[in-house]
């Protein structure tokens, strides 16, 4: 088959396969190695992330990347607040799902607890699992994604596309990530730690670094819906 294809077609096919492998290999990682990513590589990755599309080219994402001491201070602040049940969200989140959406939520929860050996009755184990979110699963880097206070749903979608660009750019360099809604659970504390204006509104955060493949939770691969279940094609 390849012999009958032009050089351009072969190149395109190769790129398509590489992209498919890249996208399919990305997954949420919940245990990281301590190795930090160099500043030049971080600059390149976040430059690529910034090519994401946005409505009217507004590029509404406001991005704060923490490493080292700033990362540690943020983790401690979140442990003392979110960890103690203090929630101040910029955007409401109920976290209540029905039907198939609830089924998917339950599935990933079961898979995670089973991988960690945590039972339904293990209150301490559940608590420890929850708190690992607030130490960024030991990732050496975390990014908090904001948008200006004039933004609405459309701009939030734009930030989501930026985040996907970012996670794929990280993956292309062998770097793992985990998007975390919970990192937006106390926006006031995050703003205070970063010394930024009230008009920056926090959506969520992403922990990232090199994957620690020895941890069982990193073997989790939740099922994905088939195309026939979620896509409708029309002529």
C-alpha atoms as a PDB file:
ATOM      1  CA  UNK A   1       0.000   0.000   0.000  1.00  0.00           C
ATOM      2  CA  UNK A   2       2.742   2.471   0.953  1.00  0.00           C
ATOM      3  CA  UNK A   3       4.549   1.902  -2.339  1.00  0.00           C
ATOM      4  CA  UNK A   4       1.548   3.268  -4.242  1.00  0.00           C
ATOM      5  CA  UNK A   5       1.342   6.409  -2.116  1.00  0.00           C
ATOM      6  CA  UNK A   6       3.107   9.682  -2.826  1.00  0.00           C
ATOM      7  CA  UNK A   7       5.794  10.941  -0.464  1.00  0.00           C
ATOM      8  CA  UNK A   8       3.373  13.595   0.801  1.00  0.00           C
ATOM      9  CA  UNK A   9       0.675  11.006   1.465  1.00  0.00           C
ATOM     10  CA  UNK A  10       3.131   8.770   3.310  1.00  0.00           C
ATOM     11  CA  UNK A  11       4.282  11.700   5.443  1.00  0.00           C
ATOM     12  CA  UNK A  12       0.679  12.628   6.225  1.00  0.00           C
ATOM     13  CA  UNK A  13      -0.148   9.042   7.163  1.00  0.00           C
ATOM     14  CA  UNK A  14       2.890   8.884   9.418  1.00  0.00           C
ATOM     15  CA  UNK A  15       1.927  12.112  11.173  1.00  0.00           C
ATOM     16  CA  UNK A  16      -1.642  10.888  11.614  1.00  0.00           C
ATOM     17  CA  UNK A  17      -0.428   7.692  13.239  1.00  0.00           C
ATOM     18  CA  UNK A  18       1.939   9.601  15.524  1.00  0.00           C
ATOM     19  CA  UNK A  19      -0.857  11.955  16.536  1.00  0.00           C
ATOM     20  CA  UNK A  20      -3.229   9.065  17.196  1.00  0.00           C
ATOM     21  CA  UNK A  21      -0.623   7.331  19.359  1.00  0.00           C
ATOM     22  CA  UNK A  22       0.056  10.577  21.214  1.00  0.00           C
ATOM     23  CA  UNK A  23      -3.597  11.271  21.990  1.00  0.00           C
ATOM     24  CA  UNK A  24      -4.404   7.701  22.963  1.00  0.00           C
ATOM     25  CA  UNK A  25      -1.366   7.473  25.231  1.00  0.00           C
ATOM     26  CA  UNK A  26      -2.317  10.522  27.291  1.00  0.00           C
ATOM     27  CA  UNK A  27      -3.959   9.626  30.571  1.00  0.00           C
ATOM     28  CA  UNK A  28      -4.310  11.150  34.016  1.00  0.00           C
ATOM     29  CA  UNK A  29      -1.277  10.280  36.133  1.00  0.00           C
ATOM     30  CA  UNK A  30      -1.531  10.203  39.926  1.00  0.00           C
ATOM     31  CA  UNK A  31       2.085   9.596  40.946  1.00  0.00           C
ATOM     32  CA  UNK A  32       5.105  11.506  39.680  1.00  0.00           C
ATOM     33  CA  UNK A  33       8.866  11.403  39.930  1.00  0.00           C
ATOM     34  CA  UNK A  34      10.584  14.401  41.589  1.00  0.00           C
ATOM     35  CA  UNK A  35      12.623  15.283  38.479  1.00  0.00           C
ATOM     36  CA  UNK A  36      12.004  18.856  37.389  1.00  0.00           C
ATOM     37  CA  UNK A  37      11.597  20.009  33.797  1.00  0.00           C
ATOM     38  CA  UNK A  38      14.117  22.532  32.538  1.00  0.00           C
ATOM     39  CA  UNK A  39      13.049  26.147  31.911  1.00  0.00           C
ATOM     40  CA  UNK A  40      13.789  26.045  28.169  1.00  0.00           C
ATOM     41  CA  UNK A  41      11.586  23.004  27.660  1.00  0.00           C
ATOM     42  CA  UNK A  42       8.828  24.544  29.776  1.00  0.00           C
ATOM     43  CA  UNK A  43       8.993  27.671  27.622  1.00  0.00           C
ATOM     44  CA  UNK A  44       8.652  25.596  24.445  1.00  0.00           C
ATOM     45  CA  UNK A  45       5.751  23.528  25.765  1.00  0.00           C
ATOM     46  CA  UNK A  46       3.743  26.521  26.949  1.00  0.00           C
ATOM     47  CA  UNK A  47       4.435  28.272  23.648  1.00  0.00           C
ATOM     48  CA  UNK A  48       2.830  25.333  21.830  1.00  0.00           C
ATOM     49  CA  UNK A  49      -0.117  25.361  24.239  1.00  0.00           C
ATOM     50  CA  UNK A  50      -0.738  28.983  23.336  1.00  0.00           C
ATOM     51  CA  UNK A  51      -1.582  28.066  19.742  1.00  0.00           C
ATOM     52  CA  UNK A  52      -5.005  26.839  20.908  1.00  0.00           C
ATOM     53  CA  UNK A  53      -8.011  28.367  19.130  1.00  0.00           C
ATOM     54  CA  UNK A  54     -10.247  30.870  20.903  1.00  0.00           C
ATOM     55  CA  UNK A  55     -13.396  32.810  20.135  1.00  0.00           C
ATOM     56  CA  UNK A  56     -12.486  35.981  18.181  1.00  0.00           C
ATOM     57  CA  UNK A  57      -8.820  35.207  19.027  1.00  0.00           C
ATOM     58  CA  UNK A  58      -9.343  36.576  22.534  1.00  0.00           C
ATOM     59  CA  UNK A  59      -6.914  34.009  24.057  1.00  0.00           C
ATOM     60  CA  UNK A  60      -8.569  34.393  27.480  1.00  0.00           C
ATOM     61  CA  UNK A  61      -6.314  32.003  29.398  1.00  0.00           C
ATOM     62  CA  UNK A  62      -4.230  33.375  32.275  1.00  0.00           C
ATOM     63  CA  UNK A  63      -1.610  30.826  33.263  1.00  0.00           C
ATOM     64  CA  UNK A  64       0.451  30.465  36.456  1.00  0.00           C
ATOM     65  CA  UNK A  65       3.112  27.728  36.629  1.00  0.00           C
ATOM     66  CA  UNK A  66       4.523  26.792  40.035  1.00  0.00           C
ATOM     67  CA  UNK A  67       7.710  24.863  40.775  1.00  0.00           C
ATOM     68  CA  UNK A  68      10.042  24.540  43.751  1.00  0.00           C
ATOM     69  CA  UNK A  69       9.268  26.718  46.767  1.00  0.00           C
ATOM     70  CA  UNK A  70       6.159  28.304  45.219  1.00  0.00           C
ATOM     71  CA  UNK A  71       4.755  24.854  44.489  1.00  0.00           C
ATOM     72  CA  UNK A  72       5.426  23.700  48.060  1.00  0.00           C
ATOM     73  CA  UNK A  73       3.867  26.799  49.609  1.00  0.00           C
ATOM     74  CA  UNK A  74       0.743  26.396  47.489  1.00  0.00           C
ATOM     75  CA  UNK A  75       0.394  22.755  48.478  1.00  0.00           C
ATOM     76  CA  UNK A  76       0.642  23.632  52.168  1.00  0.00           C
ATOM     77  CA  UNK A  77      -1.947  26.404  51.810  1.00  0.00           C
ATOM     78  CA  UNK A  78      -4.388  24.094  50.036  1.00  0.00           C
ATOM     79  CA  UNK A  79      -3.901  21.336  52.599  1.00  0.00           C
ATOM     80  CA  UNK A  80      -4.766  23.796  55.370  1.00  0.00           C
ATOM     81  CA  UNK A  81      -7.889  25.079  53.613  1.00  0.00           C
ATOM     82  CA  UNK A  82      -9.385  22.643  51.111  1.00  0.00           C
ATOM     83  CA  UNK A  83      -8.061  19.793  53.210  1.00  0.00           C
ATOM     84  CA  UNK A  84     -10.010  21.238  56.136  1.00  0.00           C
ATOM     85  CA  UNK A  85     -13.179  21.627  54.069  1.00  0.00           C
ATOM     86  CA  UNK A  86     -12.875  25.350  53.277  1.00  0.00           C
ATOM     87  CA  UNK A  87     -14.216  25.816  49.751  1.00  0.00           C
ATOM     88  CA  UNK A  88     -14.340  29.150  47.912  1.00  0.00           C
ATOM     89  CA  UNK A  89     -14.989  28.475  44.229  1.00  0.00           C
ATOM     90  CA  UNK A  90     -15.129  31.116  41.526  1.00  0.00           C
ATOM     91  CA  UNK A  91     -17.483  28.884  39.541  1.00  0.00           C
ATOM     92  CA  UNK A  92     -20.130  26.646  41.156  1.00  0.00           C
ATOM     93  CA  UNK A  93     -19.537  22.907  41.028  1.00  0.00           C
ATOM     94  CA  UNK A  94     -22.100  20.441  42.337  1.00  0.00           C
ATOM     95  CA  UNK A  95     -20.387  17.242  41.200  1.00  0.00           C
ATOM     96  CA  UNK A  96     -23.724  15.398  41.004  1.00  0.00           C
ATOM     97  CA  UNK A  97     -24.339  13.242  37.962  1.00  0.00           C
ATOM     98  CA  UNK A  98     -27.153  10.983  36.769  1.00  0.00           C
ATOM     99  CA  UNK A  99     -27.488   8.094  34.339  1.00  0.00           C
ATOM    100  CA  UNK A 100     -24.484   7.137  32.238  1.00  0.00           C
ATOM    101  CA  UNK A 101     -22.521  10.102  33.583  1.00  0.00           C
ATOM    102  CA  UNK A 102     -22.902   8.779  37.118  1.00  0.00           C
ATOM    103  CA  UNK A 103     -21.880   5.311  35.923  1.00  0.00           C
ATOM    104  CA  UNK A 104     -18.652   6.692  34.488  1.00  0.00           C
ATOM    105  CA  UNK A 105     -17.927   8.575  37.702  1.00  0.00           C
ATOM    106  CA  UNK A 106     -18.490   5.460  39.800  1.00  0.00           C
ATOM    107  CA  UNK A 107     -16.340   3.354  37.487  1.00  0.00           C
ATOM    108  CA  UNK A 108     -13.238   5.520  37.780  1.00  0.00           C
ATOM    109  CA  UNK A 109     -13.692   5.778  41.549  1.00  0.00           C
ATOM    110  CA  UNK A 110     -13.852   2.006  41.914  1.00  0.00           C
ATOM    111  CA  UNK A 111     -10.826   1.510  39.686  1.00  0.00           C
ATOM    112  CA  UNK A 112      -8.781   3.993  41.703  1.00  0.00           C
ATOM    113  CA  UNK A 113      -9.682   2.584  45.099  1.00  0.00           C
ATOM    114  CA  UNK A 114      -9.109  -0.995  43.926  1.00  0.00           C
ATOM    115  CA  UNK A 115      -5.677  -0.079  42.572  1.00  0.00           C
ATOM    116  CA  UNK A 116      -4.783   1.477  45.921  1.00  0.00           C
ATOM    117  CA  UNK A 117      -6.327  -1.306  47.979  1.00  0.00           C
ATOM    118  CA  UNK A 118      -8.810   1.080  49.603  1.00  0.00           C
ATOM    119  CA  UNK A 119     -12.195  -0.367  50.566  1.00  0.00           C
ATOM    120  CA  UNK A 120     -15.514   1.430  50.945  1.00  0.00           C
ATOM    121  CA  UNK A 121     -15.205   1.182  54.737  1.00  0.00           C
ATOM    122  CA  UNK A 122     -11.620   2.486  54.814  1.00  0.00           C
ATOM    123  CA  UNK A 123     -12.262   6.078  55.858  1.00  0.00           C
ATOM    124  CA  UNK A 124      -8.592   6.774  56.552  1.00  0.00           C
ATOM    125  CA  UNK A 125      -7.516   5.380  53.192  1.00  0.00           C
ATOM    126  CA  UNK A 126     -10.107   7.476  51.383  1.00  0.00           C
ATOM    127  CA  UNK A 127      -8.943  10.578  53.244  1.00  0.00           C
ATOM    128  CA  UNK A 128      -5.307   9.949  52.338  1.00  0.00           C
ATOM    129  CA  UNK A 129      -6.271   9.380  48.706  1.00  0.00           C
ATOM    130  CA  UNK A 130      -8.161  12.681  48.681  1.00  0.00           C
ATOM    131  CA  UNK A 131      -5.270  14.621  50.234  1.00  0.00           C
ATOM    132  CA  UNK A 132      -2.857  13.407  47.553  1.00  0.00           C
ATOM    133  CA  UNK A 133      -4.676  15.761  45.200  1.00  0.00           C
ATOM    134  CA  UNK A 134      -3.448  18.671  47.298  1.00  0.00           C
ATOM    135  CA  UNK A 135       0.212  17.643  47.142  1.00  0.00           C
ATOM    136  CA  UNK A 136      -0.242  17.429  43.368  1.00  0.00           C
ATOM    137  CA  UNK A 137       0.415  13.670  43.484  1.00  0.00           C
ATOM    138  CA  UNK A 138       4.051  14.625  44.213  1.00  0.00           C
ATOM    139  CA  UNK A 139       4.420  16.273  40.801  1.00  0.00           C
ATOM    140  CA  UNK A 140       7.248  18.852  40.752  1.00  0.00           C
ATOM    141  CA  UNK A 141       5.139  21.320  38.762  1.00  0.00           C
ATOM    142  CA  UNK A 142       1.555  22.538  38.810  1.00  0.00           C
ATOM    143  CA  UNK A 143      -0.218  25.046  36.589  1.00  0.00           C
ATOM    144  CA  UNK A 144      -3.307  27.012  37.596  1.00  0.00           C
ATOM    145  CA  UNK A 145      -5.608  28.141  34.777  1.00  0.00           C
ATOM    146  CA  UNK A 146      -7.548  31.374  35.162  1.00  0.00           C
ATOM    147  CA  UNK A 147      -9.586  33.624  32.915  1.00  0.00           C
ATOM    148  CA  UNK A 148     -10.602  37.296  33.324  1.00  0.00           C
ATOM    149  CA  UNK A 149     -13.800  38.013  35.228  1.00  0.00           C
ATOM    150  CA  UNK A 150     -15.577  39.283  32.099  1.00  0.00           C
ATOM    151  CA  UNK A 151     -15.400  35.793  30.582  1.00  0.00           C
ATOM    152  CA  UNK A 152     -18.289  33.377  30.275  1.00  0.00           C
ATOM    153  CA  UNK A 153     -18.955  29.842  29.100  1.00  0.00           C
ATOM    154  CA  UNK A 154     -17.462  30.364  25.641  1.00  0.00           C
ATOM    155  CA  UNK A 155     -14.174  31.569  27.089  1.00  0.00           C
ATOM    156  CA  UNK A 156     -14.111  28.689  29.571  1.00  0.00           C
ATOM    157  CA  UNK A 157     -14.312  26.351  26.574  1.00  0.00           C
ATOM    158  CA  UNK A 158     -11.335  28.198  25.077  1.00  0.00           C
ATOM    159  CA  UNK A 159      -9.349  27.609  28.270  1.00  0.00           C
ATOM    160  CA  UNK A 160     -10.269  23.921  28.013  1.00  0.00           C
ATOM    161  CA  UNK A 161      -8.803  23.792  24.506  1.00  0.00           C
ATOM    162  CA  UNK A 162      -5.649  25.468  25.807  1.00  0.00           C
ATOM    163  CA  UNK A 163      -5.432  22.834  28.542  1.00  0.00           C
ATOM    164  CA  UNK A 164      -5.752  19.992  26.047  1.00  0.00           C
ATOM    165  CA  UNK A 165      -3.055  21.566  23.880  1.00  0.00           C
ATOM    166  CA  UNK A 166      -0.861  21.822  26.957  1.00  0.00           C
ATOM    167  CA  UNK A 167      -1.327  18.210  28.039  1.00  0.00           C
ATOM    168  CA  UNK A 168      -0.643  16.904  24.535  1.00  0.00           C
ATOM    169  CA  UNK A 169       2.453  19.107  24.226  1.00  0.00           C
ATOM    170  CA  UNK A 170       3.665  17.705  27.545  1.00  0.00           C
ATOM    171  CA  UNK A 171       2.957  14.155  26.403  1.00  0.00           C
ATOM    172  CA  UNK A 172       4.902  14.723  23.177  1.00  0.00           C
ATOM    173  CA  UNK A 173       7.970  15.270  25.381  1.00  0.00           C
ATOM    174  CA  UNK A 174       7.284  12.231  27.546  1.00  0.00           C
ATOM    175  CA  UNK A 175       5.820  14.320  30.365  1.00  0.00           C
ATOM    176  CA  UNK A 176       2.694  13.209  32.209  1.00  0.00           C
ATOM    177  CA  UNK A 177      -0.135  15.323  33.609  1.00  0.00           C
ATOM    178  CA  UNK A 178      -3.318  15.218  35.646  1.00  0.00           C
ATOM    179  CA  UNK A 179      -6.067  17.858  35.309  1.00  0.00           C
ATOM    180  CA  UNK A 180      -7.666  18.472  38.717  1.00  0.00           C
ATOM    181  CA  UNK A 181     -10.967  20.215  39.318  1.00  0.00           C
ATOM    182  CA  UNK A 182     -10.268  20.212  43.038  1.00  0.00           C
ATOM    183  CA  UNK A 183      -7.389  22.662  42.594  1.00  0.00           C
ATOM    184  CA  UNK A 184     -10.041  25.297  41.914  1.00  0.00           C
ATOM    185  CA  UNK A 185     -11.833  24.636  45.220  1.00  0.00           C
ATOM    186  CA  UNK A 186     -10.302  27.596  47.048  1.00  0.00           C
ATOM    187  CA  UNK A 187      -9.677  30.350  44.538  1.00  0.00           C
ATOM    188  CA  UNK A 188      -9.109  32.996  47.222  1.00  0.00           C
ATOM    189  CA  UNK A 189      -6.177  31.099  48.712  1.00  0.00           C
ATOM    190  CA  UNK A 190      -4.646  30.480  45.292  1.00  0.00           C
ATOM    191  CA  UNK A 191      -4.906  34.162  44.393  1.00  0.00           C
ATOM    192  CA  UNK A 192      -3.402  35.117  47.740  1.00  0.00           C
ATOM    193  CA  UNK A 193      -0.465  32.754  47.290  1.00  0.00           C
ATOM    194  CA  UNK A 194       0.165  34.075  43.772  1.00  0.00           C
ATOM    195  CA  UNK A 195      -0.454  37.702  44.757  1.00  0.00           C
ATOM    196  CA  UNK A 196      -2.729  38.258  41.766  1.00  0.00           C
ATOM    197  CA  UNK A 197      -5.796  40.406  41.156  1.00  0.00           C
ATOM    198  CA  UNK A 198      -9.362  39.489  42.110  1.00  0.00           C
ATOM    199  CA  UNK A 199     -10.386  39.823  38.470  1.00  0.00           C
ATOM    200  CA  UNK A 200      -8.507  36.631  37.621  1.00  0.00           C
ATOM    201  CA  UNK A 201     -11.002  33.806  38.079  1.00  0.00           C
ATOM    202  CA  UNK A 202      -9.731  30.286  38.720  1.00  0.00           C
ATOM    203  CA  UNK A 203     -11.058  27.332  36.732  1.00  0.00           C
ATOM    204  CA  UNK A 204      -8.801  24.379  37.627  1.00  0.00           C
ATOM    205  CA  UNK A 205      -5.211  23.183  37.829  1.00  0.00           C
ATOM    206  CA  UNK A 206      -2.991  20.590  36.173  1.00  0.00           C
ATOM    207  CA  UNK A 207      -0.201  18.743  37.962  1.00  0.00           C
ATOM    208  CA  UNK A 208       2.601  17.613  35.676  1.00  0.00           C
ATOM    209  CA  UNK A 209       5.999  15.948  35.604  1.00  0.00           C
ATOM    210  CA  UNK A 210       7.533  12.605  34.731  1.00  0.00           C
ATOM    211  CA  UNK A 211       5.379   9.594  35.528  1.00  0.00           C
ATOM    212  CA  UNK A 212       6.317   7.222  38.325  1.00  0.00           C
ATOM    213  CA  UNK A 213       5.295   3.976  36.654  1.00  0.00           C
ATOM    214  CA  UNK A 214       5.790   1.925  39.821  1.00  0.00           C
ATOM    215  CA  UNK A 215       2.531   3.166  41.339  1.00  0.00           C
ATOM    216  CA  UNK A 216      -0.565   0.995  40.728  1.00  0.00           C
ATOM    217  CA  UNK A 217      -2.902   3.953  40.209  1.00  0.00           C
ATOM    218  CA  UNK A 218      -0.962   4.846  37.078  1.00  0.00           C
ATOM    219  CA  UNK A 219      -2.066   1.588  35.468  1.00  0.00           C
ATOM    220  CA  UNK A 220      -5.701   2.714  35.490  1.00  0.00           C
ATOM    221  CA  UNK A 221      -7.305   3.122  32.073  1.00  0.00           C
ATOM    222  CA  UNK A 222     -11.010   3.972  32.284  1.00  0.00           C
ATOM    223  CA  UNK A 223     -13.230   2.734  29.487  1.00  0.00           C
ATOM    224  CA  UNK A 224     -14.168   5.190  26.769  1.00  0.00           C
ATOM    225  CA  UNK A 225     -17.474   5.465  24.978  1.00  0.00           C
ATOM    226  CA  UNK A 226     -17.567   4.123  21.444  1.00  0.00           C
ATOM    227  CA  UNK A 227     -18.139   6.409  18.483  1.00  0.00           C
ATOM    228  CA  UNK A 228     -21.589   4.905  17.940  1.00  0.00           C
ATOM    229  CA  UNK A 229     -22.575   5.798  21.510  1.00  0.00           C
ATOM    230  CA  UNK A 230     -21.776   9.504  21.350  1.00  0.00           C
ATOM    231  CA  UNK A 231     -21.478  10.604  17.709  1.00  0.00           C
ATOM    232  CA  UNK A 232     -24.229  11.091  15.144  1.00  0.00           C
ATOM    233  CA  UNK A 233     -23.266  11.412  11.489  1.00  0.00           C
ATOM    234  CA  UNK A 234     -25.533  13.137   8.966  1.00  0.00           C
ATOM    235  CA  UNK A 235     -25.597  13.333   5.153  1.00  0.00           C
END
